[in-house]
Amino acid sequence: MKFDLSGKKALVTGGSSGIGEAIVETLTEQGAKVFVIDLCENPIHTKAGVETIIADITQSNQLNTALTPLPERIDILINNAGIGFVGNIEQTEEEDFDRLYRVNVKGVFNCIKAILPKMKNLGGVIVNMASIVAHVAVKNRLAYTTTKGAISAMTNAVAKDYLAYGIRCNSVSPARVHTPFVDNYLKKNYPGEEKEMFENLSKTQPLGRMGKPHEVADLVLYLCSDESSFITGTDFPIDGGFIKLNGN
């Protein structure tokens, strides 16, 4: 069976909702034993045999302690946890910038550093969640863009440094994906206009719709599988044509 992960052990950050939840479900369906790092637990995952580790990825000491029960070997690390912020540089306060850096960059750094010893003997796969903003400018996304650009660069550096250990490191760059975050954003900022604004946001994608979490999860599955064993140090946009076709 293609994309078979039977016997593999995977760790997914931010796996309790949205894209992360879809990734957890997809890896589990393909046979992987999945552990989730998050600030809360999804009850559905517990029923499916997924173990959740409650930890703050921005705090390295807390994270390392929380990861102690993990198996000696981890085959797959998915750095999905992240937060967003809307605003240009004038609208972004120092504390906003620091908060995004801590989660979106430092959190990924902490997780990779913590898990590498569990991969170095027999190889492994790391997939980082970047964004289309690492490739193209999107209005009023200064802090978010900066952090995702850093993830793209970190992915390349890790891929280069750990070639000799058989560790592959790639990234995925989604455009707008329909998750609970989108629904909550529209409800908070456009009460009573949610449907109209949802359609407007969907039309900003050349394909005319938002992505779906399971579509991103399927791409991540490919990068985790042996079928992608010749791929490392590469970013994979999944964007409905946004990077290449937007405005054409």
C-alpha atoms as a PDB file:
ATOM      1  CA  MET A   1       0.000   0.000   0.000  1.00  0.00           C
ATOM      2  CA  LYS A   2       1.349   3.398  -0.944  1.00  0.00           C
ATOM      3  CA  PHE A   3       1.860   5.989   1.804  1.00  0.00           C
ATOM      4  CA  ASP A   4       1.868   3.238   4.419  1.00  0.00           C
ATOM      5  CA  LEU A   5       3.058   4.473   7.826  1.00  0.00           C
ATOM      6  CA  SER A   6       2.526   1.245   9.736  1.00  0.00           C
ATOM      7  CA  GLY A   7       4.921   1.022  12.666  1.00  0.00           C
ATOM      8  CA  LYS A   8       5.905   4.695  12.423  1.00  0.00           C
ATOM      9  CA  LYS A   9       5.707   7.002  15.416  1.00  0.00           C
ATOM     10  CA  ALA A  10       4.721  10.599  14.703  1.00  0.00           C
ATOM     11  CA  LEU A  11       4.583  13.775  16.763  1.00  0.00           C
ATOM     12  CA  VAL A  12       2.259  16.602  15.657  1.00  0.00           C
ATOM     13  CA  THR A  13       2.214  20.021  17.292  1.00  0.00           C
ATOM     14  CA  GLY A  14      -1.048  21.955  17.388  1.00  0.00           C
ATOM     15  CA  GLY A  15      -2.909  18.791  16.486  1.00  0.00           C
ATOM     16  CA  SER A  16      -6.181  19.379  18.309  1.00  0.00           C
ATOM     17  CA  SER A  17      -8.004  21.403  15.658  1.00  0.00           C
ATOM     18  CA  GLY A  18      -7.959  22.644  12.070  1.00  0.00           C
ATOM     19  CA  ILE A  19      -5.122  21.505   9.817  1.00  0.00           C
ATOM     20  CA  GLY A  20      -3.365  19.810  12.721  1.00  0.00           C
ATOM     21  CA  GLU A  21      -6.417  17.716  13.533  1.00  0.00           C
ATOM     22  CA  ALA A  22      -6.681  16.623   9.887  1.00  0.00           C
ATOM     23  CA  ILE A  23      -2.989  15.680   9.870  1.00  0.00           C
ATOM     24  CA  VAL A  24      -3.397  13.585  13.005  1.00  0.00           C
ATOM     25  CA  GLU A  25      -6.394  11.753  11.535  1.00  0.00           C
ATOM     26  CA  THR A  26      -4.643  11.132   8.216  1.00  0.00           C
ATOM     27  CA  LEU A  27      -1.414   9.797   9.736  1.00  0.00           C
ATOM     28  CA  THR A  28      -3.410   7.587  12.090  1.00  0.00           C
ATOM     29  CA  GLU A  29      -5.470   6.189   9.213  1.00  0.00           C
ATOM     30  CA  GLN A  30      -2.230   5.231   7.452  1.00  0.00           C
ATOM     31  CA  GLY A  31      -1.021   3.246  10.426  1.00  0.00           C
ATOM     32  CA  ALA A  32       1.150   5.651  12.394  1.00  0.00           C
ATOM     33  CA  LYS A  33       1.084   5.893  16.163  1.00  0.00           C
ATOM     34  CA  VAL A  34       0.504   9.618  16.709  1.00  0.00           C
ATOM     35  CA  PHE A  35       1.358  11.821  19.651  1.00  0.00           C
ATOM     36  CA  VAL A  36       0.066  15.389  19.827  1.00  0.00           C
ATOM     37  CA  ILE A  37       1.602  18.383  21.565  1.00  0.00           C
ATOM     38  CA  ASP A  38      -0.976  21.032  22.323  1.00  0.00           C
ATOM     39  CA  LEU A  39      -2.345  23.312  25.007  1.00  0.00           C
ATOM     40  CA  CYS A  40      -5.579  21.318  25.086  1.00  0.00           C
ATOM     41  CA  GLU A  41      -6.801  17.827  24.234  1.00  0.00           C
ATOM     42  CA  ASN A  42      -9.262  16.759  21.547  1.00  0.00           C
ATOM     43  CA  PRO A  43     -11.552  14.060  23.052  1.00  0.00           C
ATOM     44  CA  ILE A  44     -11.984  12.468  19.622  1.00  0.00           C
ATOM     45  CA  HIS A  45      -8.271  11.765  19.452  1.00  0.00           C
ATOM     46  CA  THR A  46      -8.335   9.992  22.790  1.00  0.00           C
ATOM     47  CA  LYS A  47     -10.925   7.560  21.437  1.00  0.00           C
ATOM     48  CA  ALA A  48      -8.766   6.971  18.367  1.00  0.00           C
ATOM     49  CA  GLY A  49      -5.755   6.036  20.474  1.00  0.00           C
ATOM     50  CA  VAL A  50      -3.919   9.310  19.932  1.00  0.00           C
ATOM     51  CA  GLU A  51      -1.966  10.491  22.964  1.00  0.00           C
ATOM     52  CA  THR A  52      -1.914  14.207  23.757  1.00  0.00           C
ATOM     53  CA  ILE A  53       0.944  15.832  25.635  1.00  0.00           C
ATOM     54  CA  ILE A  54      -0.104  19.124  27.197  1.00  0.00           C
ATOM     55  CA  ALA A  55       2.842  21.486  26.847  1.00  0.00           C
ATOM     56  CA  ASP A  56       3.818  24.983  25.786  1.00  0.00           C
ATOM     57  CA  ILE A  57       6.255  24.679  22.889  1.00  0.00           C
ATOM     58  CA  THR A  58       7.651  28.151  23.598  1.00  0.00           C
ATOM     59  CA  GLN A  59       9.088  26.960  26.939  1.00  0.00           C
ATOM     60  CA  SER A  60      11.961  24.566  26.247  1.00  0.00           C
ATOM     61  CA  ASN A  61      12.371  23.255  29.806  1.00  0.00           C
ATOM     62  CA  GLN A  62       8.652  22.543  30.160  1.00  0.00           C
ATOM     63  CA  LEU A  63       8.577  20.974  26.710  1.00  0.00           C
ATOM     64  CA  ASN A  64      11.541  18.675  27.329  1.00  0.00           C
ATOM     65  CA  THR A  65      10.050  17.488  30.605  1.00  0.00           C
ATOM     66  CA  ALA A  66       6.667  16.860  28.998  1.00  0.00           C
ATOM     67  CA  LEU A  67       8.254  14.813  26.206  1.00  0.00           C
ATOM     68  CA  THR A  68       9.984  12.420  28.598  1.00  0.00           C
ATOM     69  CA  PRO A  69       7.298   9.689  28.201  1.00  0.00           C
ATOM     70  CA  LEU A  70       7.745   9.572  24.413  1.00  0.00           C
ATOM     71  CA  PRO A  71       9.193   6.409  22.858  1.00  0.00           C
ATOM     72  CA  GLU A  72      12.942   6.237  22.349  1.00  0.00           C
ATOM     73  CA  ARG A  73      12.431   6.699  18.625  1.00  0.00           C
ATOM     74  CA  ILE A  74      10.254   9.180  16.732  1.00  0.00           C
ATOM     75  CA  ASP A  75      10.045   8.800  12.948  1.00  0.00           C
ATOM     76  CA  ILE A  76       8.010  11.883  12.031  1.00  0.00           C
ATOM     77  CA  LEU A  77       7.762  15.405  13.432  1.00  0.00           C
ATOM     78  CA  ILE A  78       5.101  17.783  12.111  1.00  0.00           C
ATOM     79  CA  ASN A  79       5.554  21.364  13.294  1.00  0.00           C
ATOM     80  CA  ASN A  80       2.037  22.622  12.710  1.00  0.00           C
ATOM     81  CA  ALA A  81       1.351  24.811  15.764  1.00  0.00           C
ATOM     82  CA  GLY A  82       1.192  28.499  14.930  1.00  0.00           C
ATOM     83  CA  ILE A  83      -0.706  31.728  15.463  1.00  0.00           C
ATOM     84  CA  GLY A  84      -1.585  34.661  13.216  1.00  0.00           C
ATOM     85  CA  PHE A  85      -1.837  38.422  13.449  1.00  0.00           C
ATOM     86  CA  VAL A  86      -3.356  41.031  11.142  1.00  0.00           C
ATOM     87  CA  GLY A  87      -1.545  44.348  10.809  1.00  0.00           C
ATOM     88  CA  ASN A  88       1.174  46.273   9.011  1.00  0.00           C
ATOM     89  CA  ILE A  89       4.329  47.353  10.825  1.00  0.00           C
ATOM     90  CA  GLU A  90       2.684  50.453  12.314  1.00  0.00           C
ATOM     91  CA  GLN A  91      -0.223  48.388  13.595  1.00  0.00           C
ATOM     92  CA  THR A  92       2.032  45.749  15.128  1.00  0.00           C
ATOM     93  CA  GLU A  93       3.228  46.323  18.668  1.00  0.00           C
ATOM     94  CA  GLU A  94       6.445  44.848  19.998  1.00  0.00           C
ATOM     95  CA  GLU A  95       4.514  42.426  22.186  1.00  0.00           C
ATOM     96  CA  ASP A  96       2.543  41.213  19.140  1.00  0.00           C
ATOM     97  CA  PHE A  97       5.747  40.596  17.219  1.00  0.00           C
ATOM     98  CA  ASP A  98       7.353  38.811  20.170  1.00  0.00           C
ATOM     99  CA  ARG A  99       4.290  36.613  20.688  1.00  0.00           C
ATOM    100  CA  LEU A 100       4.279  35.416  17.072  1.00  0.00           C
ATOM    101  CA  TYR A 101       8.029  34.851  17.131  1.00  0.00           C
ATOM    102  CA  ARG A 102       7.800  32.749  20.293  1.00  0.00           C
ATOM    103  CA  VAL A 103       5.155  30.416  18.896  1.00  0.00           C
ATOM    104  CA  ASN A 104       5.857  30.354  15.162  1.00  0.00           C
ATOM    105  CA  VAL A 105       9.652  30.341  15.211  1.00  0.00           C
ATOM    106  CA  LYS A 106      11.009  29.566  18.666  1.00  0.00           C
ATOM    107  CA  GLY A 107       8.373  26.865  19.151  1.00  0.00           C
ATOM    108  CA  VAL A 108       9.497  25.091  15.983  1.00  0.00           C
ATOM    109  CA  PHE A 109      13.143  25.460  17.009  1.00  0.00           C
ATOM    110  CA  ASN A 110      12.403  23.958  20.438  1.00  0.00           C
ATOM    111  CA  CYS A 111      10.505  20.992  19.009  1.00  0.00           C
ATOM    112  CA  ILE A 112      13.109  20.131  16.388  1.00  0.00           C
ATOM    113  CA  LYS A 113      15.917  20.361  18.938  1.00  0.00           C
ATOM    114  CA  ALA A 114      14.017  18.174  21.388  1.00  0.00           C
ATOM    115  CA  ILE A 115      13.172  15.453  18.855  1.00  0.00           C
ATOM    116  CA  LEU A 116      16.384  15.272  16.803  1.00  0.00           C
ATOM    117  CA  PRO A 117      18.093  12.884  19.269  1.00  0.00           C
ATOM    118  CA  LYS A 118      15.207  10.465  18.693  1.00  0.00           C
ATOM    119  CA  MET A 119      15.863  10.526  14.919  1.00  0.00           C
ATOM    120  CA  LYS A 120      19.635  10.743  14.500  1.00  0.00           C
ATOM    121  CA  ASN A 121      20.399   7.033  14.680  1.00  0.00           C
ATOM    122  CA  LEU A 122      17.934   5.797  12.041  1.00  0.00           C
ATOM    123  CA  GLY A 123      16.742   8.886  10.185  1.00  0.00           C
ATOM    124  CA  GLY A 124      13.371  10.549  10.154  1.00  0.00           C
ATOM    125  CA  VAL A 125      11.120  13.150   8.571  1.00  0.00           C
ATOM    126  CA  ILE A 126      10.399  16.713   9.673  1.00  0.00           C
ATOM    127  CA  VAL A 127       7.646  18.746   8.046  1.00  0.00           C
ATOM    128  CA  ASN A 128       7.283  22.410   9.000  1.00  0.00           C
ATOM    129  CA  MET A 129       4.153  24.443   8.331  1.00  0.00           C
ATOM    130  CA  ALA A 130       5.173  27.591   6.449  1.00  0.00           C
ATOM    131  CA  SER A 131       2.801  29.746   4.378  1.00  0.00           C
ATOM    132  CA  ILE A 132       2.380  31.393   1.010  1.00  0.00           C
ATOM    133  CA  VAL A 133       3.484  34.627   2.708  1.00  0.00           C
ATOM    134  CA  ALA A 134       7.005  33.195   2.726  1.00  0.00           C
ATOM    135  CA  HIS A 135       6.822  33.562  -1.074  1.00  0.00           C
ATOM    136  CA  VAL A 136       4.570  36.541  -1.808  1.00  0.00           C
ATOM    137  CA  ALA A 137       3.473  39.665   0.040  1.00  0.00           C
ATOM    138  CA  VAL A 138      -0.014  39.685   1.532  1.00  0.00           C
ATOM    139  CA  LYS A 139      -1.341  42.973   2.836  1.00  0.00           C
ATOM    140  CA  ASN A 140      -1.261  43.589   6.601  1.00  0.00           C
ATOM    141  CA  ARG A 141       0.588  40.428   7.607  1.00  0.00           C
ATOM    142  CA  LEU A 142       3.959  41.869   8.679  1.00  0.00           C
ATOM    143  CA  ALA A 143       4.656  39.787  11.792  1.00  0.00           C
ATOM    144  CA  TYR A 144       3.160  36.581  10.407  1.00  0.00           C
ATOM    145  CA  THR A 145       5.107  36.970   7.163  1.00  0.00           C
ATOM    146  CA  THR A 146       8.353  37.476   9.059  1.00  0.00           C
ATOM    147  CA  THR A 147       7.880  34.321  11.120  1.00  0.00           C
ATOM    148  CA  LYS A 148       6.951  32.148   8.151  1.00  0.00           C
ATOM    149  CA  GLY A 149       9.923  33.434   6.179  1.00  0.00           C
ATOM    150  CA  ALA A 150      12.046  32.293   9.114  1.00  0.00           C
ATOM    151  CA  ILE A 151      10.439  28.836   8.975  1.00  0.00           C
ATOM    152  CA  SER A 152      11.323  28.524   5.305  1.00  0.00           C
ATOM    153  CA  ALA A 153      14.952  29.392   6.059  1.00  0.00           C
ATOM    154  CA  MET A 154      15.058  27.086   9.102  1.00  0.00           C
ATOM    155  CA  THR A 155      13.745  24.223   6.984  1.00  0.00           C
ATOM    156  CA  ASN A 156      16.607  24.634   4.518  1.00  0.00           C
ATOM    157  CA  ALA A 157      19.212  24.848   7.285  1.00  0.00           C
ATOM    158  CA  VAL A 158      17.978  21.725   9.082  1.00  0.00           C
ATOM    159  CA  ALA A 159      17.738  19.784   5.813  1.00  0.00           C
ATOM    160  CA  LYS A 160      21.357  20.672   4.978  1.00  0.00           C
ATOM    161  CA  ASP A 161      22.770  20.001   8.439  1.00  0.00           C
ATOM    162  CA  TYR A 162      21.207  16.564   8.868  1.00  0.00           C
ATOM    163  CA  LEU A 163      21.672  14.974   5.461  1.00  0.00           C
ATOM    164  CA  ALA A 164      24.286  12.628   6.890  1.00  0.00           C
ATOM    165  CA  TYR A 165      21.806  11.374   9.492  1.00  0.00           C
ATOM    166  CA  GLY A 166      19.165  10.436   6.930  1.00  0.00           C
ATOM    167  CA  ILE A 167      16.801  13.095   8.239  1.00  0.00           C
ATOM    168  CA  ARG A 168      14.660  14.840   5.647  1.00  0.00           C
ATOM    169  CA  CYS A 169      13.184  18.262   6.347  1.00  0.00           C
ATOM    170  CA  ASN A 170      10.601  19.940   4.121  1.00  0.00           C
ATOM    171  CA  SER A 171       7.899  22.560   4.524  1.00  0.00           C
ATOM    172  CA  VAL A 172       4.340  23.087   3.337  1.00  0.00           C
ATOM    173  CA  SER A 173       2.947  26.516   2.433  1.00  0.00           C
ATOM    174  CA  PRO A 174      -0.844  26.681   2.474  1.00  0.00           C
ATOM    175  CA  ALA A 175      -2.868  29.604   1.226  1.00  0.00           C
ATOM    176  CA  ARG A 176      -6.168  30.335   2.972  1.00  0.00           C
ATOM    177  CA  VAL A 177      -7.650  27.109   4.386  1.00  0.00           C
ATOM    178  CA  HIS A 178     -11.171  26.825   5.812  1.00  0.00           C
ATOM    179  CA  THR A 179     -10.630  26.045   9.489  1.00  0.00           C
ATOM    180  CA  PRO A 180     -12.427  27.075  12.696  1.00  0.00           C
ATOM    181  CA  PHE A 181      -9.949  29.967  12.860  1.00  0.00           C
ATOM    182  CA  VAL A 182     -11.513  31.464   9.727  1.00  0.00           C
ATOM    183  CA  ASP A 183     -15.054  31.045  11.036  1.00  0.00           C
ATOM    184  CA  ASN A 184     -14.162  32.604  14.388  1.00  0.00           C
ATOM    185  CA  TYR A 185     -12.372  35.487  12.669  1.00  0.00           C
ATOM    186  CA  LEU A 186     -15.409  36.272  10.530  1.00  0.00           C
ATOM    187  CA  LYS A 187     -17.804  35.967  13.459  1.00  0.00           C
ATOM    188  CA  LYS A 188     -15.705  38.353  15.544  1.00  0.00           C
ATOM    189  CA  ASN A 189     -14.933  40.951  12.885  1.00  0.00           C
ATOM    190  CA  TYR A 190     -17.941  40.750  10.545  1.00  0.00           C
ATOM    191  CA  PRO A 191     -21.004  39.816  12.627  1.00  0.00           C
ATOM    192  CA  GLY A 192     -24.020  39.319  10.403  1.00  0.00           C
ATOM    193  CA  GLU A 193     -21.862  39.404   7.268  1.00  0.00           C
ATOM    194  CA  GLU A 194     -20.080  36.100   7.715  1.00  0.00           C
ATOM    195  CA  LYS A 195     -21.454  34.434   4.569  1.00  0.00           C
ATOM    196  CA  GLU A 196     -20.661  37.382   2.297  1.00  0.00           C
ATOM    197  CA  MET A 197     -17.160  37.809   3.705  1.00  0.00           C
ATOM    198  CA  PHE A 198     -16.506  34.079   3.465  1.00  0.00           C
ATOM    199  CA  GLU A 199     -17.345  34.199  -0.233  1.00  0.00           C
ATOM    200  CA  ASN A 200     -15.122  37.249  -0.710  1.00  0.00           C
ATOM    201  CA  LEU A 201     -12.191  35.533   0.971  1.00  0.00           C
ATOM    202  CA  SER A 202     -12.761  32.405  -1.090  1.00  0.00           C
ATOM    203  CA  LYS A 203     -12.645  34.408  -4.321  1.00  0.00           C
ATOM    204  CA  THR A 204      -9.161  35.700  -3.481  1.00  0.00           C
ATOM    205  CA  GLN A 205      -7.910  32.206  -4.351  1.00  0.00           C
ATOM    206  CA  PRO A 206      -7.557  31.664  -8.126  1.00  0.00           C
ATOM    207  CA  LEU A 207      -9.437  28.363  -7.883  1.00  0.00           C
ATOM    208  CA  GLY A 208     -12.326  30.266  -6.296  1.00  0.00           C
ATOM    209  CA  ARG A 209     -12.418  28.484  -2.957  1.00  0.00           C
ATOM    210  CA  MET A 210     -10.424  27.983   0.216  1.00  0.00           C
ATOM    211  CA  GLY A 211      -8.369  24.900   0.781  1.00  0.00           C
ATOM    212  CA  LYS A 212      -9.611  22.091   2.987  1.00  0.00           C
ATOM    213  CA  PRO A 213      -7.648  20.800   5.992  1.00  0.00           C
ATOM    214  CA  HIS A 214      -7.598  17.233   4.676  1.00  0.00           C
ATOM    215  CA  GLU A 215      -6.018  18.442   1.413  1.00  0.00           C
ATOM    216  CA  VAL A 216      -3.091  19.874   3.366  1.00  0.00           C
ATOM    217  CA  ALA A 217      -2.969  16.705   5.451  1.00  0.00           C
ATOM    218  CA  ASP A 218      -2.697  14.537   2.325  1.00  0.00           C
ATOM    219  CA  LEU A 219       0.296  16.571   1.131  1.00  0.00           C
ATOM    220  CA  VAL A 220       1.909  16.198   4.551  1.00  0.00           C
ATOM    221  CA  LEU A 221       1.256  12.445   4.382  1.00  0.00           C
ATOM    222  CA  TYR A 222       3.132  12.236   1.089  1.00  0.00           C
ATOM    223  CA  LEU A 223       6.123  14.070   2.556  1.00  0.00           C
ATOM    224  CA  CYS A 224       6.132  11.715   5.547  1.00  0.00           C
ATOM    225  CA  SER A 225       6.005   8.573   3.439  1.00  0.00           C
ATOM    226  CA  ASP A 226       8.755   6.559   1.774  1.00  0.00           C
ATOM    227  CA  GLU A 227       7.294   7.647  -1.579  1.00  0.00           C
ATOM    228  CA  SER A 228       8.926  11.060  -1.004  1.00  0.00           C
ATOM    229  CA  SER A 229      12.307   9.673   0.068  1.00  0.00           C
ATOM    230  CA  PHE A 230      14.148  11.672  -2.639  1.00  0.00           C
ATOM    231  CA  ILE A 231      12.824  15.013  -1.384  1.00  0.00           C
ATOM    232  CA  THR A 232      14.419  17.263   1.224  1.00  0.00           C
ATOM    233  CA  GLY A 233      15.009  20.979   1.749  1.00  0.00           C
ATOM    234  CA  THR A 234      11.961  21.844  -0.352  1.00  0.00           C
ATOM    235  CA  ASP A 235       8.829  23.904   0.207  1.00  0.00           C
ATOM    236  CA  PHE A 236       5.497  22.749  -1.213  1.00  0.00           C
ATOM    237  CA  PRO A 237       2.838  25.439  -1.775  1.00  0.00           C
ATOM    238  CA  ILE A 238      -0.748  24.237  -1.603  1.00  0.00           C
ATOM    239  CA  ASP A 239      -2.466  27.430  -2.579  1.00  0.00           C
ATOM    240  CA  GLY A 240      -5.106  27.076  -5.276  1.00  0.00           C
ATOM    241  CA  GLY A 241      -2.744  28.847  -7.666  1.00  0.00           C
ATOM    242  CA  PHE A 242      -2.281  31.918  -5.451  1.00  0.00           C
ATOM    243  CA  ILE A 243       1.490  32.327  -5.789  1.00  0.00           C
ATOM    244  CA  LYS A 244       1.726  31.891  -9.546  1.00  0.00           C
ATOM    245  CA  LEU A 245      -1.696  32.897 -10.818  1.00  0.00           C
ATOM    246  CA  ASN A 246      -3.076  35.552  -8.508  1.00  0.00           C
ATOM    247  CA  GLY A 247      -3.824  38.776 -10.389  1.00  0.00           C
ATOM    248  CA  ASN A 248      -3.330  37.186 -13.817  1.00  0.00           C
END
